[in-house]
Amino acid sequence: MKNIFIAVFCLAGITCFSACDDWTEIENVDINTPGMQEQNPAAYAKYLQNLIAYKSSDHKVVYAWFDNSEKTPFSRGQHISDTPDSLDVISMMYPAELAEFELADMQTVRTKGTKVVYTISFDKIQKEYTEKVKEGTETGTFDTYLKSELDKQIGYAGNFDGLIAEYKGTNPIYMSAEQKAEAKKNQDAFFSVVSTWKTGNADKLLTFQGYPENLLEQTVLTSCKHIILATDNVTDDAQLSVVARLAMVGAGVPTDRFVVAVSTASLDAADKQTGFYDTDRALLEAAYWTTEHSDDYTRAGLAIYNVQNDYYNAANTYLYVKSAINIMNPAPKK
């Protein structure tokens, strides 16, 4: 195992120097700088072997959401193939129409043991329906709209290694009996589609995201590799523990797979809140939080929103993401 970590992080250190200025390059300029793969194929093959072994080992997992809205890239920062090799799962934020370069990038990261998924969000579907009703562009029932959207979005799965099912909802303790019945009906409709897909794709990844305590008699969590808690809006690391303990209130919630979510810093220099706990980087503080021990639940890892923002660092591409990974999964000292 020691050799696995050394190989992974030593090569990451080598490659970061050649990549640190990539984001200034224009995509359509033909610049071919030989990398380790071309310079030493045998060493690169060994690196990939060690990298995949590392991802199969017991370690803190790292999910990352990637904004792939740009279909004519002009920066290496718009390629998932340039994200840190140690990412375990990348969720593409726009899964519907993938460009040829995206499909190629997906194949590249798969050779490194990285899974590429996308997110289906009940809350997003519900919000879009409500907005369309207000605009007068939707006159049907939510049941019909939900089924149509689920059928459409589950159809994207063929290009991916799995999916994240997001459900935040509302805490049922504040609901009337009628509201609870409505919430249960909607949950059943959402998770039945997800569970049917998982049954037919046992080899693919399924992850839950949201508030487990808001689920009503749902068993889907036992089929989920991880539970990404809705912690992206917390303001300090102490609140991460609060959210984790609230999640345990739900009946039958597995406590051995909790992942917390944070955002990278905004590319807007005026935004001093996104990606920060006060003046500290949320990414780093949450990474340290995962290394602390809990007696009654497992701090399994970290999920990172807008991971691509961290590419644009003068000192090193993906500086804070790499630092967070190293905090959670440090290379052993000799």
C-alpha atoms as a PDB file:
ATOM      1  CA  MET A   1       0.000   0.000   0.000  1.00  0.00           C
ATOM      2  CA  LYS A   2       2.905   2.335   0.752  1.00  0.00           C
ATOM      3  CA  ASN A   3       4.132   2.005  -2.826  1.00  0.00           C
ATOM      4  CA  ILE A   4       0.659   2.794  -4.131  1.00  0.00           C
ATOM      5  CA  PHE A   5       0.513   6.139  -2.336  1.00  0.00           C
ATOM      6  CA  ILE A   6       4.084   7.057  -3.247  1.00  0.00           C
ATOM      7  CA  ALA A   7       3.513   6.315  -6.925  1.00  0.00           C
ATOM      8  CA  VAL A   8       0.242   8.232  -7.032  1.00  0.00           C
ATOM      9  CA  PHE A   9       1.424  11.388  -5.332  1.00  0.00           C
ATOM     10  CA  CYS A  10       4.943  11.472  -6.783  1.00  0.00           C
ATOM     11  CA  LEU A  11       3.639  11.370 -10.325  1.00  0.00           C
ATOM     12  CA  ALA A  12       0.954  13.925  -9.451  1.00  0.00           C
ATOM     13  CA  GLY A  13       3.776  16.193  -8.340  1.00  0.00           C
ATOM     14  CA  ILE A  14       5.627  15.677 -11.620  1.00  0.00           C
ATOM     15  CA  THR A  15       2.638  16.374 -13.844  1.00  0.00           C
ATOM     16  CA  CYS A  16       1.439  19.479 -12.012  1.00  0.00           C
ATOM     17  CA  PHE A  17       4.512  21.477 -13.085  1.00  0.00           C
ATOM     18  CA  SER A  18       3.824  20.981 -16.779  1.00  0.00           C
ATOM     19  CA  ALA A  19       0.122  21.772 -16.319  1.00  0.00           C
ATOM     20  CA  CYS A  20       0.250  24.974 -14.270  1.00  0.00           C
ATOM     21  CA  ASP A  21       0.118  27.315 -17.264  1.00  0.00           C
ATOM     22  CA  ASP A  22      -2.245  25.214 -19.409  1.00  0.00           C
ATOM     23  CA  TRP A  23      -5.274  27.365 -18.687  1.00  0.00           C
ATOM     24  CA  THR A  24      -3.768  30.239 -20.657  1.00  0.00           C
ATOM     25  CA  GLU A  25      -3.523  28.166 -23.840  1.00  0.00           C
ATOM     26  CA  ILE A  26      -6.028  28.551 -26.681  1.00  0.00           C
ATOM     27  CA  GLU A  27      -7.712  25.233 -27.357  1.00  0.00           C
ATOM     28  CA  ASN A  28      -7.366  25.337 -31.150  1.00  0.00           C
ATOM     29  CA  VAL A  29      -3.575  25.834 -31.072  1.00  0.00           C
ATOM     30  CA  ASP A  30      -1.829  22.536 -31.786  1.00  0.00           C
ATOM     31  CA  ILE A  31       0.610  22.230 -28.890  1.00  0.00           C
ATOM     32  CA  ASN A  32       1.795  18.707 -28.220  1.00  0.00           C
ATOM     33  CA  THR A  33       3.971  18.478 -25.127  1.00  0.00           C
ATOM     34  CA  PRO A  34       4.956  14.867 -24.440  1.00  0.00           C
ATOM     35  CA  GLY A  35       3.813  13.666 -21.052  1.00  0.00           C
ATOM     36  CA  MET A  36       4.801  10.696 -18.920  1.00  0.00           C
ATOM     37  CA  GLN A  37       2.558   8.454 -21.034  1.00  0.00           C
ATOM     38  CA  GLU A  38       4.640   9.146 -24.147  1.00  0.00           C
ATOM     39  CA  GLN A  39       8.025   9.548 -22.466  1.00  0.00           C
ATOM     40  CA  ASN A  40       7.890   6.385 -20.393  1.00  0.00           C
ATOM     41  CA  PRO A  41       4.929   4.135 -21.269  1.00  0.00           C
ATOM     42  CA  ALA A  42       6.008   1.385 -18.877  1.00  0.00           C
ATOM     43  CA  ALA A  43       6.217   3.756 -15.914  1.00  0.00           C
ATOM     44  CA  TYR A  44       2.848   5.289 -16.824  1.00  0.00           C
ATOM     45  CA  ALA A  45       1.224   1.855 -17.055  1.00  0.00           C
ATOM     46  CA  LYS A  46       2.570   1.056 -13.589  1.00  0.00           C
ATOM     47  CA  TYR A  47       1.281   4.396 -12.330  1.00  0.00           C
ATOM     48  CA  LEU A  48      -2.219   3.623 -13.631  1.00  0.00           C
ATOM     49  CA  GLN A  49      -2.087   0.203 -12.003  1.00  0.00           C
ATOM     50  CA  ASN A  50      -1.149   1.752  -8.661  1.00  0.00           C
ATOM     51  CA  LEU A  51      -3.746   4.499  -9.052  1.00  0.00           C
ATOM     52  CA  ILE A  52      -6.560   2.016  -9.649  1.00  0.00           C
ATOM     53  CA  ALA A  53      -5.363  -0.087  -6.715  1.00  0.00           C
ATOM     54  CA  TYR A  54      -5.403   3.033  -4.528  1.00  0.00           C
ATOM     55  CA  LYS A  55      -9.002   3.796  -5.517  1.00  0.00           C
ATOM     56  CA  SER A  56      -9.975   0.231  -4.663  1.00  0.00           C
ATOM     57  CA  SER A  57      -8.376   0.540  -1.228  1.00  0.00           C
ATOM     58  CA  ASP A  58      -9.857   1.896   1.987  1.00  0.00           C
ATOM     59  CA  HIS A  59      -9.515   5.670   1.625  1.00  0.00           C
ATOM     60  CA  LYS A  60     -11.504   8.892   1.905  1.00  0.00           C
ATOM     61  CA  VAL A  61     -13.546   9.137  -1.272  1.00  0.00           C
ATOM     62  CA  VAL A  62     -13.720  12.318  -3.364  1.00  0.00           C
ATOM     63  CA  TYR A  63     -16.699  13.242  -5.561  1.00  0.00           C
ATOM     64  CA  ALA A  64     -16.633  16.337  -7.778  1.00  0.00           C
ATOM     65  CA  TRP A  65     -19.275  18.142  -9.811  1.00  0.00           C
ATOM     66  CA  PHE A  66     -17.889  19.514 -13.073  1.00  0.00           C
ATOM     67  CA  ASP A  67     -19.535  22.313 -15.080  1.00  0.00           C
ATOM     68  CA  ASN A  68     -19.388  20.953 -18.632  1.00  0.00           C
ATOM     69  CA  SER A  69     -21.645  23.613 -20.163  1.00  0.00           C
ATOM     70  CA  GLU A  70     -18.904  24.805 -22.547  1.00  0.00           C
ATOM     71  CA  LYS A  71     -19.052  22.637 -25.659  1.00  0.00           C
ATOM     72  CA  THR A  72     -16.310  24.512 -27.541  1.00  0.00           C
ATOM     73  CA  PRO A  73     -13.525  24.566 -24.959  1.00  0.00           C
ATOM     74  CA  PHE A  74     -10.808  27.224 -25.019  1.00  0.00           C
ATOM     75  CA  SER A  75      -8.984  26.158 -21.841  1.00  0.00           C
ATOM     76  CA  ARG A  76      -7.665  22.931 -20.400  1.00  0.00           C
ATOM     77  CA  GLY A  77      -9.708  23.829 -17.353  1.00  0.00           C
ATOM     78  CA  GLN A  78     -12.809  22.855 -19.350  1.00  0.00           C
ATOM     79  CA  HIS A  79     -11.651  19.251 -19.724  1.00  0.00           C
ATOM     80  CA  ILE A  80     -12.388  16.641 -17.071  1.00  0.00           C
ATOM     81  CA  SER A  81      -9.237  14.850 -18.237  1.00  0.00           C
ATOM     82  CA  ASP A  82      -7.213  17.619 -16.569  1.00  0.00           C
ATOM     83  CA  THR A  83      -8.826  17.203 -13.139  1.00  0.00           C
ATOM     84  CA  PRO A  84      -6.694  15.562 -10.413  1.00  0.00           C
ATOM     85  CA  ASP A  85      -6.166  11.866 -11.055  1.00  0.00           C
ATOM     86  CA  SER A  86      -7.120  11.046  -7.449  1.00  0.00           C
ATOM     87  CA  LEU A  87     -10.777  12.038  -7.891  1.00  0.00           C
ATOM     88  CA  ASP A  88     -12.942   8.962  -7.441  1.00  0.00           C
ATOM     89  CA  VAL A  89     -16.161  10.203  -9.080  1.00  0.00           C
ATOM     90  CA  ILE A  90     -16.896  13.109 -11.435  1.00  0.00           C
ATOM     91  CA  SER A  91     -20.501  14.197 -11.911  1.00  0.00           C
ATOM     92  CA  MET A  92     -21.144  16.014 -15.201  1.00  0.00           C
ATOM     93  CA  MET A  93     -23.567  18.869 -14.557  1.00  0.00           C
ATOM     94  CA  TYR A  94     -24.948  18.841 -18.132  1.00  0.00           C
ATOM     95  CA  PRO A  95     -25.365  15.191 -19.169  1.00  0.00           C
ATOM     96  CA  ALA A  96     -27.892  15.570 -21.989  1.00  0.00           C
ATOM     97  CA  GLU A  97     -25.703  16.433 -24.971  1.00  0.00           C
ATOM     98  CA  LEU A  98     -22.080  15.388 -24.765  1.00  0.00           C
ATOM     99  CA  ALA A  99     -19.554  16.662 -27.286  1.00  0.00           C
ATOM    100  CA  GLU A 100     -17.011  14.340 -28.878  1.00  0.00           C
ATOM    101  CA  PHE A 101     -14.186  15.759 -26.763  1.00  0.00           C
ATOM    102  CA  GLU A 102     -16.230  15.055 -23.601  1.00  0.00           C
ATOM    103  CA  LEU A 103     -16.768  11.418 -24.549  1.00  0.00           C
ATOM    104  CA  ALA A 104     -13.025  11.112 -25.206  1.00  0.00           C
ATOM    105  CA  ASP A 105     -12.210  12.767 -21.869  1.00  0.00           C
ATOM    106  CA  MET A 106     -14.567  10.385 -20.098  1.00  0.00           C
ATOM    107  CA  GLN A 107     -12.657   7.448 -21.543  1.00  0.00           C
ATOM    108  CA  THR A 108      -9.377   9.012 -20.434  1.00  0.00           C
ATOM    109  CA  VAL A 109     -10.402   9.399 -16.794  1.00  0.00           C
ATOM    110  CA  ARG A 110     -11.854   5.898 -16.753  1.00  0.00           C
ATOM    111  CA  THR A 111      -8.385   4.511 -17.479  1.00  0.00           C
ATOM    112  CA  LYS A 112      -7.424   6.123 -14.153  1.00  0.00           C
ATOM    113  CA  GLY A 113     -10.202   4.351 -12.259  1.00  0.00           C
ATOM    114  CA  THR A 114     -12.420   7.438 -12.095  1.00  0.00           C
ATOM    115  CA  LYS A 115     -16.163   6.934 -12.524  1.00  0.00           C
ATOM    116  CA  VAL A 116     -18.179   9.499 -14.482  1.00  0.00           C
ATOM    117  CA  VAL A 117     -21.772  10.013 -13.359  1.00  0.00           C
ATOM    118  CA  TYR A 118     -24.529  12.627 -13.452  1.00  0.00           C
ATOM    119  CA  THR A 119     -27.151  13.847 -11.009  1.00  0.00           C
ATOM    120  CA  ILE A 120     -30.924  13.497 -11.191  1.00  0.00           C
ATOM    121  CA  SER A 121     -32.467  15.946  -8.729  1.00  0.00           C
ATOM    122  CA  PHE A 122     -36.050  15.642  -7.511  1.00  0.00           C
ATOM    123  CA  ASP A 123     -35.828  19.147  -6.062  1.00  0.00           C
ATOM    124  CA  LYS A 124     -34.675  20.641  -9.352  1.00  0.00           C
ATOM    125  CA  ILE A 125     -37.490  18.930 -11.243  1.00  0.00           C
ATOM    126  CA  GLN A 126     -40.024  20.184  -8.695  1.00  0.00           C
ATOM    127  CA  LYS A 127     -38.653  23.735  -8.854  1.00  0.00           C
ATOM    128  CA  GLU A 128     -38.735  23.783 -12.660  1.00  0.00           C
ATOM    129  CA  TYR A 129     -42.329  22.538 -12.634  1.00  0.00           C
ATOM    130  CA  THR A 130     -43.397  25.250 -10.161  1.00  0.00           C
ATOM    131  CA  GLU A 131     -41.741  27.965 -12.259  1.00  0.00           C
ATOM    132  CA  LYS A 132     -43.376  26.738 -15.457  1.00  0.00           C
ATOM    133  CA  VAL A 133     -46.789  26.677 -13.791  1.00  0.00           C
ATOM    134  CA  LYS A 134     -46.288  30.306 -12.704  1.00  0.00           C
ATOM    135  CA  GLU A 135     -45.232  31.249 -16.236  1.00  0.00           C
ATOM    136  CA  GLY A 136     -48.228  29.460 -17.700  1.00  0.00           C
ATOM    137  CA  THR A 137     -46.074  27.146 -19.822  1.00  0.00           C
ATOM    138  CA  GLU A 138     -47.076  24.038 -17.862  1.00  0.00           C
ATOM    139  CA  THR A 139     -50.688  23.107 -17.177  1.00  0.00           C
ATOM    140  CA  GLY A 140     -50.405  19.390 -16.365  1.00  0.00           C
ATOM    141  CA  THR A 141     -50.094  17.721 -12.976  1.00  0.00           C
ATOM    142  CA  PHE A 142     -46.777  17.363 -11.188  1.00  0.00           C
ATOM    143  CA  ASP A 143     -47.157  13.575 -11.302  1.00  0.00           C
ATOM    144  CA  THR A 144     -47.173  13.654 -15.092  1.00  0.00           C
ATOM    145  CA  TYR A 145     -44.328  16.170 -15.274  1.00  0.00           C
ATOM    146  CA  LEU A 146     -42.182  14.176 -12.833  1.00  0.00           C
ATOM    147  CA  LYS A 147     -42.666  10.939 -14.779  1.00  0.00           C
ATOM    148  CA  SER A 148     -41.807  12.634 -18.062  1.00  0.00           C
ATOM    149  CA  GLU A 149     -38.633  14.206 -16.651  1.00  0.00           C
ATOM    150  CA  LEU A 150     -37.511  10.992 -14.982  1.00  0.00           C
ATOM    151  CA  ASP A 151     -38.024   9.010 -18.186  1.00  0.00           C
ATOM    152  CA  LYS A 152     -35.987  11.599 -20.081  1.00  0.00           C
ATOM    153  CA  GLN A 153     -33.163  11.932 -17.567  1.00  0.00           C
ATOM    154  CA  ILE A 154     -32.765   8.241 -16.822  1.00  0.00           C
ATOM    155  CA  GLY A 155     -32.241   7.894 -20.563  1.00  0.00           C
ATOM    156  CA  TYR A 156     -28.863   9.650 -20.265  1.00  0.00           C
ATOM    157  CA  ALA A 157     -27.466   6.816 -18.167  1.00  0.00           C
ATOM    158  CA  GLY A 158     -26.056   4.817 -21.067  1.00  0.00           C
ATOM    159  CA  ASN A 159     -23.037   7.115 -21.390  1.00  0.00           C
ATOM    160  CA  PHE A 160     -22.256   7.065 -17.682  1.00  0.00           C
ATOM    161  CA  ASP A 161     -20.917   4.811 -14.941  1.00  0.00           C
ATOM    162  CA  GLY A 162     -23.763   5.601 -12.582  1.00  0.00           C
ATOM    163  CA  LEU A 163     -25.844   8.400 -11.147  1.00  0.00           C
ATOM    164  CA  ILE A 164     -26.463  10.507  -8.059  1.00  0.00           C
ATOM    165  CA  ALA A 165     -30.084  10.691  -6.913  1.00  0.00           C
ATOM    166  CA  GLU A 166     -30.739  13.971  -5.099  1.00  0.00           C
ATOM    167  CA  TYR A 167     -33.652  14.438  -2.742  1.00  0.00           C
ATOM    168  CA  LYS A 168     -33.786  17.209  -0.145  1.00  0.00           C
ATOM    169  CA  GLY A 169     -37.523  17.668   0.326  1.00  0.00           C
ATOM    170  CA  THR A 170     -39.051  18.850   3.585  1.00  0.00           C
ATOM    171  CA  ASN A 171     -38.773  17.469   7.095  1.00  0.00           C
ATOM    172  CA  PRO A 172     -41.900  15.321   7.647  1.00  0.00           C
ATOM    173  CA  ILE A 173     -42.245  16.338  11.311  1.00  0.00           C
ATOM    174  CA  TYR A 174     -43.573  19.681  10.101  1.00  0.00           C
ATOM    175  CA  MET A 175     -46.106  18.134   7.706  1.00  0.00           C
ATOM    176  CA  SER A 176     -49.793  17.518   8.070  1.00  0.00           C
ATOM    177  CA  ALA A 177     -51.058  14.013   7.316  1.00  0.00           C
ATOM    178  CA  GLU A 178     -52.153  15.173   3.865  1.00  0.00           C
ATOM    179  CA  GLN A 179     -48.781  16.769   3.112  1.00  0.00           C
ATOM    180  CA  LYS A 180     -46.968  13.671   4.312  1.00  0.00           C
ATOM    181  CA  ALA A 181     -49.045  11.460   2.032  1.00  0.00           C
ATOM    182  CA  GLU A 182     -48.250  13.735  -0.932  1.00  0.00           C
ATOM    183  CA  ALA A 183     -44.544  13.697  -0.106  1.00  0.00           C
ATOM    184  CA  LYS A 184     -44.585   9.902   0.202  1.00  0.00           C
ATOM    185  CA  LYS A 185     -46.301   9.576  -3.178  1.00  0.00           C
ATOM    186  CA  ASN A 186     -43.689  11.802  -4.847  1.00  0.00           C
ATOM    187  CA  GLN A 187     -40.823   9.967  -3.175  1.00  0.00           C
ATOM    188  CA  ASP A 188     -42.211   6.627  -4.295  1.00  0.00           C
ATOM    189  CA  ALA A 189     -42.463   7.869  -7.873  1.00  0.00           C
ATOM    190  CA  PHE A 190     -38.912   9.236  -7.843  1.00  0.00           C
ATOM    191  CA  PHE A 191     -37.131   6.392  -6.112  1.00  0.00           C
ATOM    192  CA  SER A 192     -39.015   3.615  -7.866  1.00  0.00           C
ATOM    193  CA  VAL A 193     -37.503   4.797 -11.160  1.00  0.00           C
ATOM    194  CA  VAL A 194     -34.053   5.069  -9.564  1.00  0.00           C
ATOM    195  CA  SER A 195     -34.334   1.649  -7.910  1.00  0.00           C
ATOM    196  CA  THR A 196     -35.572  -0.002 -11.100  1.00  0.00           C
ATOM    197  CA  TRP A 197     -32.602   1.451 -12.953  1.00  0.00           C
ATOM    198  CA  LYS A 198     -30.206   0.185 -10.253  1.00  0.00           C
ATOM    199  CA  THR A 199     -31.707  -3.302 -10.337  1.00  0.00           C
ATOM    200  CA  GLY A 200     -31.059  -3.456 -14.062  1.00  0.00           C
ATOM    201  CA  ASN A 201     -27.566  -1.985 -13.690  1.00  0.00           C
ATOM    202  CA  ALA A 202     -26.098  -3.704 -10.664  1.00  0.00           C
ATOM    203  CA  ASP A 203     -22.536  -2.944 -11.825  1.00  0.00           C
ATOM    204  CA  LYS A 204     -23.135   0.812 -11.931  1.00  0.00           C
ATOM    205  CA  LEU A 205     -22.749   3.313  -9.109  1.00  0.00           C
ATOM    206  CA  LEU A 206     -25.725   4.751  -7.241  1.00  0.00           C
ATOM    207  CA  THR A 207     -25.221   7.518  -4.676  1.00  0.00           C
ATOM    208  CA  PHE A 208     -27.774   9.463  -2.633  1.00  0.00           C
ATOM    209  CA  GLN A 209     -27.527  13.193  -2.084  1.00  0.00           C
ATOM    210  CA  GLY A 210     -29.677  15.287   0.218  1.00  0.00           C
ATOM    211  CA  TYR A 211     -31.393  14.898   3.599  1.00  0.00           C
ATOM    212  CA  PRO A 212     -31.877  11.228   4.539  1.00  0.00           C
ATOM    213  CA  GLU A 213     -34.039  12.243   7.508  1.00  0.00           C
ATOM    214  CA  ASN A 214     -36.686  13.550   5.072  1.00  0.00           C
ATOM    215  CA  LEU A 215     -37.284  10.145   3.479  1.00  0.00           C
ATOM    216  CA  LEU A 216     -40.511   8.333   4.279  1.00  0.00           C
ATOM    217  CA  GLU A 217     -40.285   4.533   4.322  1.00  0.00           C
ATOM    218  CA  GLN A 218     -37.693   4.460   1.544  1.00  0.00           C
ATOM    219  CA  THR A 219     -35.133   1.638   1.361  1.00  0.00           C
ATOM    220  CA  VAL A 220     -33.034   3.037  -1.496  1.00  0.00           C
ATOM    221  CA  LEU A 221     -30.178   4.107   0.810  1.00  0.00           C
ATOM    222  CA  THR A 222     -29.059   0.508   1.334  1.00  0.00           C
ATOM    223  CA  SER A 223     -28.320   0.333  -2.411  1.00  0.00           C
ATOM    224  CA  CYS A 224     -26.295   3.553  -2.390  1.00  0.00           C
ATOM    225  CA  LYS A 225     -22.502   3.470  -2.288  1.00  0.00           C
ATOM    226  CA  HIS A 226     -22.380   6.766  -0.377  1.00  0.00           C
ATOM    227  CA  ILE A 227     -24.748   9.290   1.169  1.00  0.00           C
ATOM    228  CA  ILE A 228     -23.751  12.849   0.280  1.00  0.00           C
ATOM    229  CA  LEU A 229     -25.194  15.040   3.006  1.00  0.00           C
ATOM    230  CA  ALA A 230     -26.586  18.459   2.098  1.00  0.00           C
ATOM    231  CA  THR A 231     -23.838  20.465   3.773  1.00  0.00           C
ATOM    232  CA  ASP A 232     -22.989  22.866   0.946  1.00  0.00           C
ATOM    233  CA  ASN A 233     -24.668  25.784   2.744  1.00  0.00           C
ATOM    234  CA  VAL A 234     -23.163  25.338   6.215  1.00  0.00           C
ATOM    235  CA  THR A 235     -20.899  28.129   7.458  1.00  0.00           C
ATOM    236  CA  ASP A 236     -18.350  26.275   9.605  1.00  0.00           C
ATOM    237  CA  ASP A 237     -16.978  22.780  10.084  1.00  0.00           C
ATOM    238  CA  ALA A 238     -18.795  22.266  13.399  1.00  0.00           C
ATOM    239  CA  GLN A 239     -22.099  22.355  11.510  1.00  0.00           C
ATOM    240  CA  LEU A 240     -20.968  19.371   9.434  1.00  0.00           C
ATOM    241  CA  SER A 241     -21.281  17.216  12.540  1.00  0.00           C
ATOM    242  CA  VAL A 242     -24.730  18.643  13.270  1.00  0.00           C
ATOM    243  CA  VAL A 243     -25.989  17.746   9.787  1.00  0.00           C
ATOM    244  CA  ALA A 244     -24.519  14.256  10.076  1.00  0.00           C
ATOM    245  CA  ARG A 245     -26.300  13.615  13.365  1.00  0.00           C
ATOM    246  CA  LEU A 246     -29.594  14.947  12.018  1.00  0.00           C
ATOM    247  CA  ALA A 247     -29.288  12.531   9.095  1.00  0.00           C
ATOM    248  CA  MET A 248     -29.130   9.655  11.560  1.00  0.00           C
ATOM    249  CA  VAL A 249     -32.621  10.496  12.829  1.00  0.00           C
ATOM    250  CA  GLY A 250     -34.134   8.832   9.773  1.00  0.00           C
ATOM    251  CA  ALA A 251     -35.160   5.209  10.212  1.00  0.00           C
ATOM    252  CA  GLY A 252     -32.808   2.724   8.591  1.00  0.00           C
ATOM    253  CA  VAL A 253     -30.216   5.286   7.449  1.00  0.00           C
ATOM    254  CA  PRO A 254     -26.823   3.562   6.974  1.00  0.00           C
ATOM    255  CA  THR A 255     -24.243   5.511   8.971  1.00  0.00           C
ATOM    256  CA  ASP A 256     -21.102   3.987   7.455  1.00  0.00           C
ATOM    257  CA  ARG A 257     -21.001   6.077   4.256  1.00  0.00           C
ATOM    258  CA  PHE A 258     -21.481   9.797   4.972  1.00  0.00           C
ATOM    259  CA  VAL A 259     -19.860  12.260   2.570  1.00  0.00           C
ATOM    260  CA  VAL A 260     -20.016  16.036   3.127  1.00  0.00           C
ATOM    261  CA  ALA A 261     -20.355  18.609   0.347  1.00  0.00           C
ATOM    262  CA  VAL A 262     -18.508  21.905  -0.090  1.00  0.00           C
ATOM    263  CA  SER A 263     -17.852  24.319  -2.939  1.00  0.00           C
ATOM    264  CA  THR A 264     -14.665  25.632  -4.416  1.00  0.00           C
ATOM    265  CA  ALA A 265     -14.198  29.390  -4.251  1.00  0.00           C
ATOM    266  CA  SER A 266     -16.059  31.472  -6.813  1.00  0.00           C
ATOM    267  CA  LEU A 267     -14.235  32.824  -9.857  1.00  0.00           C
ATOM    268  CA  ASP A 268     -15.820  36.174  -8.979  1.00  0.00           C
ATOM    269  CA  ALA A 269     -13.149  37.920  -6.905  1.00  0.00           C
ATOM    270  CA  ALA A 270     -15.831  39.984  -5.175  1.00  0.00           C
ATOM    271  CA  ASP A 271     -17.514  36.842  -3.804  1.00  0.00           C
ATOM    272  CA  LYS A 272     -15.859  36.186  -0.444  1.00  0.00           C
ATOM    273  CA  GLN A 273     -18.514  33.742   0.830  1.00  0.00           C
ATOM    274  CA  THR A 274     -18.785  30.929  -1.709  1.00  0.00           C
ATOM    275  CA  GLY A 275     -16.294  28.239  -0.793  1.00  0.00           C
ATOM    276  CA  PHE A 276     -15.334  29.763   2.558  1.00  0.00           C
ATOM    277  CA  TYR A 277     -16.003  29.165   6.230  1.00  0.00           C
ATOM    278  CA  ASP A 278     -15.503  32.748   7.404  1.00  0.00           C
ATOM    279  CA  THR A 279     -12.024  33.451   5.978  1.00  0.00           C
ATOM    280  CA  ASP A 280     -10.916  29.800   5.723  1.00  0.00           C
ATOM    281  CA  ARG A 281     -11.247  27.651   2.623  1.00  0.00           C
ATOM    282  CA  ALA A 282     -14.243  25.376   3.182  1.00  0.00           C
ATOM    283  CA  LEU A 283     -12.591  22.725   1.045  1.00  0.00           C
ATOM    284  CA  LEU A 284      -9.625  22.394   3.393  1.00  0.00           C
ATOM    285  CA  GLU A 285     -11.620  22.715   6.616  1.00  0.00           C
ATOM    286  CA  ALA A 286     -14.063  20.010   5.498  1.00  0.00           C
ATOM    287  CA  ALA A 287     -11.148  17.780   4.474  1.00  0.00           C
ATOM    288  CA  TYR A 288      -9.685  18.051   7.977  1.00  0.00           C
ATOM    289  CA  TRP A 289     -13.154  17.290   9.398  1.00  0.00           C
ATOM    290  CA  THR A 290     -13.258  13.972   7.523  1.00  0.00           C
ATOM    291  CA  THR A 291     -10.053  12.860   9.257  1.00  0.00           C
ATOM    292  CA  GLU A 292     -11.571  13.198  12.727  1.00  0.00           C
ATOM    293  CA  HIS A 293     -13.133  10.186  14.431  1.00  0.00           C
ATOM    294  CA  SER A 294     -16.819   9.640  15.189  1.00  0.00           C
ATOM    295  CA  ASP A 295     -18.023   6.724  17.270  1.00  0.00           C
ATOM    296  CA  ASP A 296     -21.447   6.391  15.681  1.00  0.00           C
ATOM    297  CA  TYR A 297     -20.943   7.275  12.001  1.00  0.00           C
ATOM    298  CA  THR A 298     -18.261   7.136   9.321  1.00  0.00           C
ATOM    299  CA  ARG A 299     -16.805  10.259   7.729  1.00  0.00           C
ATOM    300  CA  ALA A 300     -16.299   8.649   4.343  1.00  0.00           C
ATOM    301  CA  GLY A 301     -15.115  11.590   2.270  1.00  0.00           C
ATOM    302  CA  LEU A 302     -15.805  14.825   0.466  1.00  0.00           C
ATOM    303  CA  ALA A 303     -17.938  16.029  -2.462  1.00  0.00           C
ATOM    304  CA  ILE A 304     -16.851  19.207  -4.265  1.00  0.00           C
ATOM    305  CA  TYR A 305     -19.130  21.592  -6.172  1.00  0.00           C
ATOM    306  CA  ASN A 306     -17.767  23.433  -9.222  1.00  0.00           C
ATOM    307  CA  VAL A 307     -14.452  21.638  -9.056  1.00  0.00           C
ATOM    308  CA  GLN A 308     -13.347  23.287 -12.327  1.00  0.00           C
ATOM    309  CA  ASN A 309     -13.053  26.688 -10.595  1.00  0.00           C
ATOM    310  CA  ASP A 310      -9.992  25.462  -8.715  1.00  0.00           C
ATOM    311  CA  TYR A 311      -8.109  24.846 -11.963  1.00  0.00           C
ATOM    312  CA  TYR A 312      -7.331  28.553 -12.235  1.00  0.00           C
ATOM    313  CA  ASN A 313      -4.567  29.020  -9.686  1.00  0.00           C
ATOM    314  CA  ALA A 314      -1.328  30.789 -10.563  1.00  0.00           C
ATOM    315  CA  ALA A 315       0.838  28.524  -8.398  1.00  0.00           C
ATOM    316  CA  ASN A 316      -0.609  25.165  -9.397  1.00  0.00           C
ATOM    317  CA  THR A 317      -3.723  23.890 -11.158  1.00  0.00           C
ATOM    318  CA  TYR A 318      -6.339  22.462  -8.767  1.00  0.00           C
ATOM    319  CA  LEU A 319      -4.213  23.670  -5.862  1.00  0.00           C
ATOM    320  CA  TYR A 320      -6.848  23.436  -3.116  1.00  0.00           C
ATOM    321  CA  VAL A 321      -8.481  20.248  -4.411  1.00  0.00           C
ATOM    322  CA  LYS A 322      -5.103  18.498  -4.399  1.00  0.00           C
ATOM    323  CA  SER A 323      -4.394  19.856  -0.916  1.00  0.00           C
ATOM    324  CA  ALA A 324      -7.737  18.555   0.373  1.00  0.00           C
ATOM    325  CA  ILE A 325      -7.083  15.111  -1.106  1.00  0.00           C
ATOM    326  CA  ASN A 326      -3.654  15.013   0.505  1.00  0.00           C
ATOM    327  CA  ILE A 327      -5.136  16.035   3.875  1.00  0.00           C
ATOM    328  CA  MET A 328      -7.605  13.160   3.745  1.00  0.00           C
ATOM    329  CA  ASN A 329      -5.309  10.594   2.122  1.00  0.00           C
ATOM    330  CA  PRO A 330      -1.735  11.645   2.953  1.00  0.00           C
ATOM    331  CA  ALA A 331       1.201   9.891   1.356  1.00  0.00           C
ATOM    332  CA  PRO A 332       2.941   7.794   4.025  1.00  0.00           C
ATOM    333  CA  LYS A 333       6.258   9.132   5.285  1.00  0.00           C
ATOM    334  CA  LYS A 334       9.319   6.958   4.825  1.00  0.00           C
END
